[in-house]
C-alpha atoms as a PDB file:
ATOM      1  CA  GLN A   1      47.620 105.180 105.423  1.00  0.00           C
ATOM      2  CA  ASP A   2      46.566 104.252 108.554  1.00  0.00           C
ATOM      3  CA  ASN A   3      48.574 104.295 112.007  1.00  0.00           C
ATOM      4  CA  GLY A   4      47.968 102.639 114.989  1.00  0.00           C
ATOM      5  CA  PHE A   5      49.260 102.999 118.702  1.00  0.00           C
ATOM      6  CA  GLU A   6      52.789 103.226 118.226  1.00  0.00           C
ATOM      7  CA  GLN A   7      52.707 105.566 115.709  1.00  0.00           C
ATOM      8  CA  PHE A   8      50.474 107.611 117.386  1.00  0.00           C
ATOM      9  CA  ILE A   9      53.201 107.762 120.604  1.00  0.00           C
ATOM     10  CA  ILE A  10      55.931 108.605 118.565  1.00  0.00           C
ATOM     11  CA  ASN A  11      54.360 111.426 116.473  1.00  0.00           C
ATOM     12  CA  TYR A  12      52.805 112.953 120.309  1.00  0.00           C
ATOM     13  CA  CYS A  13      57.035 112.575 121.020  1.00  0.00           C
ATOM     14  CA  ASN A  14      57.914 114.869 117.663  1.00  0.00           C
ATOM     15  CA  GLU A  15      55.031 117.080 118.352  1.00  0.00           C
ATOM     16  CA  LYS A  16      56.705 117.748 122.067  1.00  0.00           C
ATOM     17  CA  LEU A  17      60.268 118.077 120.794  1.00  0.00           C
ATOM     18  CA  GLN A  18      59.159 120.620 117.936  1.00  0.00           C
ATOM     19  CA  GLN A  19      57.345 122.266 120.899  1.00  0.00           C
ATOM     20  CA  ILE A  20      60.642 122.706 122.796  1.00  0.00           C
ATOM     21  CA  PHE A  21      62.226 123.928 119.337  1.00  0.00           C
ATOM     22  CA  ILE A  22      59.624 126.439 118.925  1.00  0.00           C
ATOM     23  CA  LEU A  23      59.886 127.948 122.546  1.00  0.00           C
ATOM     24  CA  MET A  24      63.755 127.933 122.963  1.00  0.00           C
ATOM     25  CA  THR A  25      64.692 129.487 119.276  1.00  0.00           C
ATOM     26  CA  LEU A  26      61.266 131.430 118.545  1.00  0.00           C
ATOM     27  CA  LYS A  27      59.643 132.616 121.505  1.00  0.00           C
ATOM     28  CA  GLU A  28      62.020 133.025 124.058  1.00  0.00           C
ATOM     29  CA  GLU A  29      64.778 134.675 121.681  1.00  0.00           C
ATOM     30  CA  GLN A  30      62.248 137.047 120.813  1.00  0.00           C
ATOM     31  CA  GLU A  31      61.407 138.074 124.220  1.00  0.00           C
ATOM     32  CA  GLU A  32      64.766 138.433 124.824  1.00  0.00           C
ATOM     33  CA  TYR A  33      65.438 141.327 122.535  1.00  0.00           C
ATOM     34  CA  VAL A  34      62.267 142.975 123.732  1.00  0.00           C
ATOM     35  CA  ARG A  35      63.881 142.934 127.130  1.00  0.00           C
ATOM     36  CA  GLU A  36      67.087 144.208 125.872  1.00  0.00           C
ATOM     37  CA  GLY A  37      65.587 146.997 123.863  1.00  0.00           C
ATOM     38  CA  ILE A  38      66.366 146.069 120.502  1.00  0.00           C
ATOM     39  CA  GLN A  39      64.394 147.466 117.907  1.00  0.00           C
ATOM     40  CA  TRP A  40      62.276 144.549 116.456  1.00  0.00           C
ATOM     41  CA  THR A  41      59.496 143.742 114.095  1.00  0.00           C
ATOM     42  CA  PRO A  42      58.328 140.459 115.858  1.00  0.00           C
ATOM     43  CA  VAL A  43      58.035 137.233 113.388  1.00  0.00           C
ATOM     44  CA  GLU A  44      54.875 135.484 113.744  1.00  0.00           C
ATOM     45  CA  PHE A  45      54.961 131.718 114.030  1.00  0.00           C
ATOM     46  CA  PHE A  46      52.602 128.890 114.572  1.00  0.00           C
ATOM     47  CA  ASP A  47      52.144 127.417 118.409  1.00  0.00           C
ATOM     48  CA  ASN A  48      51.820 124.065 118.331  1.00  0.00           C
ATOM     49  CA  SER A  49      50.652 123.761 121.768  1.00  0.00           C
ATOM     50  CA  ILE A  50      47.035 123.461 120.904  1.00  0.00           C
ATOM     51  CA  ILE A  51      48.121 119.940 119.128  1.00  0.00           C
ATOM     52  CA  CYS A  52      50.071 118.794 122.599  1.00  0.00           C
ATOM     53  CA  ASN A  53      47.439 119.952 124.698  1.00  0.00           C
ATOM     54  CA  LEU A  54      45.122 118.029 122.410  1.00  0.00           C
ATOM     55  CA  ILE A  55      47.241 114.780 123.007  1.00  0.00           C
ATOM     56  CA  GLU A  56      48.421 115.062 126.793  1.00  0.00           C
ATOM     57  CA  ASN A  57      46.079 117.261 128.605  1.00  0.00           C
ATOM     58  CA  SER A  58      45.110 115.762 131.882  1.00  0.00           C
ATOM     59  CA  LYS A  59      41.853 115.813 131.860  1.00  0.00           C
ATOM     60  CA  CYS A  60      40.577 115.518 128.672  1.00  0.00           C
ATOM     61  CA  GLY A  61      43.159 114.580 126.261  1.00  0.00           C
ATOM     62  CA  ILE A  62      43.359 111.771 123.908  1.00  0.00           C
ATOM     63  CA  LEU A  63      45.898 109.979 126.297  1.00  0.00           C
ATOM     64  CA  ALA A  64      43.612 110.801 129.342  1.00  0.00           C
ATOM     65  CA  MET A  65      40.419 109.381 127.851  1.00  0.00           C
ATOM     66  CA  LEU A  66      42.267 106.529 126.312  1.00  0.00           C
ATOM     67  CA  ASP A  67      43.904 105.683 129.861  1.00  0.00           C
ATOM     68  CA  GLU A  68      40.125 106.077 131.056  1.00  0.00           C
ATOM     69  CA  GLU A  69      38.746 103.641 128.729  1.00  0.00           C
ATOM     70  CA  CYS A  70      41.095 101.346 129.665  1.00  0.00           C
ATOM     71  CA  LEU A  71      41.141 101.496 133.442  1.00  0.00           C
ATOM     72  CA  ARG A  72      36.617 101.350 132.998  1.00  0.00           C
ATOM     73  CA  PRO A  73      35.300  98.182 134.457  1.00  0.00           C
ATOM     74  CA  GLY A  74      32.444  96.699 132.075  1.00  0.00           C
ATOM     75  CA  VAL A  75      33.324  96.060 128.273  1.00  0.00           C
ATOM     76  CA  VAL A  76      35.255  98.258 126.946  1.00  0.00           C
ATOM     77  CA  ASN A  77      36.353  98.542 123.550  1.00  0.00           C
ATOM     78  CA  GLU A  78      37.633 101.133 120.652  1.00  0.00           C
ATOM     79  CA  ASP A  79      34.111 102.334 119.447  1.00  0.00           C
ATOM     80  CA  THR A  80      33.722 103.822 122.943  1.00  0.00           C
ATOM     81  CA  PHE A  81      37.069 105.476 123.273  1.00  0.00           C
ATOM     82  CA  LEU A  82      36.337 106.741 119.487  1.00  0.00           C
ATOM     83  CA  THR A  83      33.024 108.131 120.436  1.00  0.00           C
ATOM     84  CA  LYS A  84      34.316 109.924 123.599  1.00  0.00           C
ATOM     85  CA  LEU A  85      36.813 111.457 121.759  1.00  0.00           C
ATOM     86  CA  ASN A  86      34.364 112.591 118.426  1.00  0.00           C
ATOM     87  CA  GLN A  87      32.285 114.474 121.422  1.00  0.00           C
ATOM     88  CA  LEU A  88      35.219 115.928 123.286  1.00  0.00           C
ATOM     89  CA  PHE A  89      36.753 117.171 119.938  1.00  0.00           C
ATOM     90  CA  ALA A  90      33.992 117.853 118.073  1.00  0.00           C
ATOM     91  CA  THR A  91      34.464 121.503 116.838  1.00  0.00           C
ATOM     92  CA  HIS A  92      38.936 121.074 117.538  1.00  0.00           C
ATOM     93  CA  LYS A  93      40.088 122.698 114.225  1.00  0.00           C
ATOM     94  CA  HIS A  94      43.165 120.016 114.674  1.00  0.00           C
ATOM     95  CA  TYR A  95      41.203 116.825 115.142  1.00  0.00           C
ATOM     96  CA  GLU A  96      39.301 114.859 112.518  1.00  0.00           C
ATOM     97  CA  SER A  97      36.752 111.839 112.244  1.00  0.00           C
ATOM     98  CA  LYS A  98      34.239 110.584 109.921  1.00  0.00           C
ATOM     99  CA  GLU A  99      31.486 111.441 112.530  1.00  0.00           C
ATOM    100  CA  THR A 100      32.390 115.422 112.686  1.00  0.00           C
ATOM    101  CA  GLN A 101      33.524 115.181 109.370  1.00  0.00           C
ATOM    102  CA  ASN A 102      29.622 114.611 108.671  1.00  0.00           C
ATOM    103  CA  ALA A 103      28.809 117.342 110.849  1.00  0.00           C
ATOM    104  CA  ARG A 104      30.760 119.738 109.121  1.00  0.00           C
ATOM    105  CA  HIS A 105      29.506 118.203 105.771  1.00  0.00           C
ATOM    106  CA  VAL A 106      32.866 117.290 104.492  1.00  0.00           C
ATOM    107  CA  MET A 107      33.305 114.296 102.377  1.00  0.00           C
ATOM    108  CA  ASP A 108      36.537 112.376 102.720  1.00  0.00           C
ATOM    109  CA  ALA A 109      36.362 108.552 101.773  1.00  0.00           C
ATOM    110  CA  SER A 110      39.734 107.979 102.766  1.00  0.00           C
ATOM    111  CA  LEU A 111      38.735 108.367 106.586  1.00  0.00           C
ATOM    112  CA  LEU A 112      37.309 105.332 107.956  1.00  0.00           C
ATOM    113  CA  PRO A 113      34.793 105.303 110.590  1.00  0.00           C
ATOM    114  CA  GLN A 114      37.221 102.962 112.539  1.00  0.00           C
ATOM    115  CA  CYS A 115      39.747 106.099 112.256  1.00  0.00           C
ATOM    116  CA  PHE A 116      40.915 109.583 113.380  1.00  0.00           C
ATOM    117  CA  ARG A 117      42.702 112.314 112.428  1.00  0.00           C
ATOM    118  CA  ILE A 118      45.237 114.747 114.087  1.00  0.00           C
ATOM    119  CA  HIS A 119      46.634 117.836 112.093  1.00  0.00           C
ATOM    120  CA  HIS A 120      50.273 117.437 113.457  1.00  0.00           C
ATOM    121  CA  TYR A 121      52.298 120.292 112.968  1.00  0.00           C
ATOM    122  CA  ALA A 122      54.076 118.882 109.958  1.00  0.00           C
ATOM    123  CA  GLY A 123      50.719 117.296 108.562  1.00  0.00           C
ATOM    124  CA  LYS A 124      47.749 115.344 108.869  1.00  0.00           C
ATOM    125  CA  VAL A 125      48.097 111.722 110.223  1.00  0.00           C
ATOM    126  CA  THR A 126      45.430 109.305 109.835  1.00  0.00           C
ATOM    127  CA  TYR A 127      45.195 106.843 112.971  1.00  0.00           C
ATOM    128  CA  ASN A 128      43.321 103.427 113.208  1.00  0.00           C
ATOM    129  CA  VAL A 129      42.124 103.242 117.115  1.00  0.00           C
ATOM    130  CA  THR A 130      41.822  98.987 116.241  1.00  0.00           C
ATOM    131  CA  GLY A 131      44.430  97.740 119.191  1.00  0.00           C
ATOM    132  CA  PHE A 132      44.607 101.238 121.321  1.00  0.00           C
ATOM    133  CA  ILE A 133      43.453  99.461 124.459  1.00  0.00           C
ATOM    134  CA  GLU A 134      45.223  96.751 124.003  1.00  0.00           C
ATOM    135  CA  LYS A 135      48.351  98.208 123.258  1.00  0.00           C
ATOM    136  CA  ASN A 136      47.887 100.808 126.195  1.00  0.00           C
ATOM    137  CA  ASN A 137      47.084  98.135 129.043  1.00  0.00           C
ATOM    138  CA  ASP A 138      50.098  96.424 128.091  1.00  0.00           C
ATOM    139  CA  LEU A 139      49.631  93.935 131.002  1.00  0.00           C
ATOM    140  CA  LEU A 140      52.633  92.131 132.196  1.00  0.00           C
ATOM    141  CA  PHE A 141      51.046  88.669 133.605  1.00  0.00           C
ATOM    142  CA  ARG A 142      51.976  88.342 137.086  1.00  0.00           C
ATOM    143  CA  ASP A 143      53.313  84.891 137.368  1.00  0.00           C
ATOM    144  CA  LEU A 144      56.042  86.349 134.696  1.00  0.00           C
ATOM    145  CA  SER A 145      56.759  89.217 136.712  1.00  0.00           C
ATOM    146  CA  GLN A 146      57.234  87.000 139.759  1.00  0.00           C
ATOM    147  CA  ALA A 147      59.282  84.511 137.379  1.00  0.00           C
ATOM    148  CA  MET A 148      61.747  87.510 136.682  1.00  0.00           C
ATOM    149  CA  TRP A 149      61.646  88.691 140.451  1.00  0.00           C
ATOM    150  CA  ALA A 150      62.666  85.286 141.359  1.00  0.00           C
ATOM    151  CA  THR A 151      65.942  84.955 139.066  1.00  0.00           C
ATOM    152  CA  ARG A 152      69.618  85.266 140.523  1.00  0.00           C
ATOM    153  CA  HIS A 153      70.432  88.004 137.885  1.00  0.00           C
ATOM    154  CA  ALA A 154      70.296  91.517 139.639  1.00  0.00           C
ATOM    155  CA  LEU A 155      69.318  93.488 136.510  1.00  0.00           C
ATOM    156  CA  LEU A 156      66.358  91.383 135.620  1.00  0.00           C
ATOM    157  CA  ARG A 157      65.008  91.583 139.445  1.00  0.00           C
ATOM    158  CA  SER A 158      65.130  95.596 139.269  1.00  0.00           C
ATOM    159  CA  LEU A 159      63.255  95.233 136.137  1.00  0.00           C
ATOM    160  CA  PHE A 160      60.562  93.758 137.807  1.00  0.00           C
ATOM    161  CA  PRO A 161      60.107  95.397 141.298  1.00  0.00           C
ATOM    162  CA  GLU A 162      56.336  94.076 140.991  1.00  0.00           C
ATOM    163  CA  GLY A 163      56.942  90.674 141.297  1.00  0.00           C
ATOM    164  CA  ASP A 164      58.164  90.666 144.852  1.00  0.00           C
ATOM    165  CA  PRO A 165      55.670  88.829 146.433  1.00  0.00           C
ATOM    166  CA  GLN A 166      55.801  90.758 149.754  1.00  0.00           C
ATOM    167  CA  LYS A 167      54.772  93.747 147.564  1.00  0.00           C
ATOM    168  CA  VAL A 168      51.434  92.536 146.217  1.00  0.00           C
ATOM    169  CA  SER A 169      49.222  95.645 145.496  1.00  0.00           C
ATOM    170  CA  LEU A 170      46.108  95.819 144.412  1.00  0.00           C
ATOM    171  CA  LYS A 171      46.550  98.897 142.243  1.00  0.00           C
ATOM    172  CA  LEU A 172      46.756  98.763 138.429  1.00  0.00           C
ATOM    173  CA  PRO A 173      49.647  99.051 136.816  1.00  0.00           C
ATOM    174  CA  PRO A 174      50.173 102.252 134.764  1.00  0.00           C
ATOM    175  CA  THR A 175      49.566 102.385 131.087  1.00  0.00           C
ATOM    176  CA  ALA A 176      52.033 102.081 128.517  1.00  0.00           C
ATOM    177  CA  GLY A 177      50.531 105.653 127.265  1.00  0.00           C
ATOM    178  CA  PHE A 178      50.794 106.910 130.804  1.00  0.00           C
ATOM    179  CA  GLN A 179      54.228 105.650 131.061  1.00  0.00           C
ATOM    180  CA  PHE A 180      55.444 107.217 127.789  1.00  0.00           C
ATOM    181  CA  LYS A 181      53.760 110.830 128.669  1.00  0.00           C
ATOM    182  CA  ALA A 182      56.316 110.639 132.252  1.00  0.00           C
ATOM    183  CA  SER A 183      58.868 109.515 129.833  1.00  0.00           C
ATOM    184  CA  VAL A 184      58.075 112.396 127.474  1.00  0.00           C
ATOM    185  CA  ALA A 185      58.090 115.152 130.496  1.00  0.00           C
ATOM    186  CA  THR A 186      61.201 113.907 132.080  1.00  0.00           C
ATOM    187  CA  LEU A 187      63.091 114.112 128.361  1.00  0.00           C
ATOM    188  CA  MET A 188      61.447 117.845 127.916  1.00  0.00           C
ATOM    189  CA  LYS A 189      62.874 119.020 131.815  1.00  0.00           C
ATOM    190  CA  ASN A 190      66.228 118.054 131.032  1.00  0.00           C
ATOM    191  CA  LEU A 191      66.027 119.653 127.292  1.00  0.00           C
ATOM    192  CA  TYR A 192      64.808 123.072 128.957  1.00  0.00           C
ATOM    193  CA  SER A 193      67.344 123.079 131.237  1.00  0.00           C
ATOM    194  CA  LYS A 194      70.157 122.801 129.155  1.00  0.00           C
ATOM    195  CA  ASN A 195      71.404 125.045 125.912  1.00  0.00           C
ATOM    196  CA  PRO A 196      70.566 122.267 123.025  1.00  0.00           C
ATOM    197  CA  ASN A 197      71.546 122.723 119.399  1.00  0.00           C
ATOM    198  CA  TYR A 198      69.409 121.635 116.973  1.00  0.00           C
ATOM    199  CA  ILE A 199      70.110 119.645 113.608  1.00  0.00           C
ATOM    200  CA  ARG A 200      67.092 119.646 111.131  1.00  0.00           C
ATOM    201  CA  CYS A 201      67.245 116.907 108.669  1.00  0.00           C
ATOM    202  CA  ILE A 202      65.109 117.466 105.164  1.00  0.00           C
ATOM    203  CA  LYS A 203      64.451 114.761 102.998  1.00  0.00           C
ATOM    204  CA  PRO A 204      65.602 115.767  99.576  1.00  0.00           C
ATOM    205  CA  ASN A 205      62.876 113.328  97.783  1.00  0.00           C
ATOM    206  CA  GLU A 206      60.321 110.499  98.200  1.00  0.00           C
ATOM    207  CA  THR A 207      62.434 107.970  96.382  1.00  0.00           C
ATOM    208  CA  LYS A 208      65.542 107.917  98.654  1.00  0.00           C
ATOM    209  CA  THR A 209      67.371 108.610  95.187  1.00  0.00           C
ATOM    210  CA  ALA A 210      70.888 109.923  95.295  1.00  0.00           C
ATOM    211  CA  MET A 211      71.376 113.728  93.694  1.00  0.00           C
ATOM    212  CA  LEU A 212      67.557 114.353  93.290  1.00  0.00           C
ATOM    213  CA  PHE A 213      66.231 117.108  94.779  1.00  0.00           C
ATOM    214  CA  THR A 214      62.218 117.817  94.881  1.00  0.00           C
ATOM    215  CA  PRO A 215      61.670 121.478  95.609  1.00  0.00           C
ATOM    216  CA  GLU A 216      58.014 121.009  96.312  1.00  0.00           C
ATOM    217  CA  LEU A 217      59.096 118.709  99.368  1.00  0.00           C
ATOM    218  CA  VAL A 218      62.103 120.639 100.188  1.00  0.00           C
ATOM    219  CA  LEU A 219      59.984 123.730 101.064  1.00  0.00           C
ATOM    220  CA  ALA A 220      57.034 121.935 102.711  1.00  0.00           C
ATOM    221  CA  GLN A 221      59.705 120.476 105.356  1.00  0.00           C
ATOM    222  CA  VAL A 222      61.356 124.123 105.719  1.00  0.00           C
ATOM    223  CA  ARG A 223      57.837 125.692 105.985  1.00  0.00           C
ATOM    224  CA  TYR A 224      56.450 123.127 108.785  1.00  0.00           C
ATOM    225  CA  LEU A 225      59.879 122.810 110.513  1.00  0.00           C
ATOM    226  CA  GLY A 226      59.506 126.862 111.334  1.00  0.00           C
ATOM    227  CA  LEU A 227      63.243 127.333 109.577  1.00  0.00           C
ATOM    228  CA  MET A 228      62.177 130.461 108.165  1.00  0.00           C
ATOM    229  CA  GLU A 229      61.343 131.941 111.109  1.00  0.00           C
ATOM    230  CA  ASN A 230      64.023 130.698 113.065  1.00  0.00           C
ATOM    231  CA  VAL A 231      66.232 132.032 110.200  1.00  0.00           C
ATOM    232  CA  ARG A 232      64.476 135.422 110.490  1.00  0.00           C
ATOM    233  CA  VAL A 233      65.264 135.506 114.298  1.00  0.00           C
ATOM    234  CA  ARG A 234      68.684 134.689 114.071  1.00  0.00           C
ATOM    235  CA  ARG A 235      69.109 137.256 111.553  1.00  0.00           C
END
């Protein structure tokens, strides 16, 4: 299944939530055992920071490259964006495209030329870059912003400060990806400052059938969610 920009953003958020779960329940918990001098056999776990960095690195992450293409003057399209990703992540073990597959002599007909694939903590996901640039730009016409600003409704006015004719700015508006990344960073900071409890939901089967338990499906989720490692640490 090909996924678009929206699913890419959703999966990025899921990756960050998994990262903070790993940090707070596996990494820091074991570090505390060591500080307290408790006899402890370290529990190894997969640190998905490498995937988060692939997406959010401020200089050469996928979101940064998408913003760079959106803000670049001249003819911009998804082909140039994908070409740049292929060049940057040609050897990245969590990134895959038709071009990188060819370089690695891997034949996979399911990966189309306009797609790239990320090996997320929960498995491989294929993204179709069609529409990425348009959706990331998320441009709201100035006249619509000004119309919202001109309304007598206080909430609407507060939502469209860029519509104020006294504050006309030549600065380009932030992209959808930039705004979402900032929101995720705020969420992570908030969660990290608290002592959160976690509820891990496991899908029992793929058909939404009552009283049906598929062992292979459940085992896969238990593994990629890091629940086995978490139980060992908590034991």
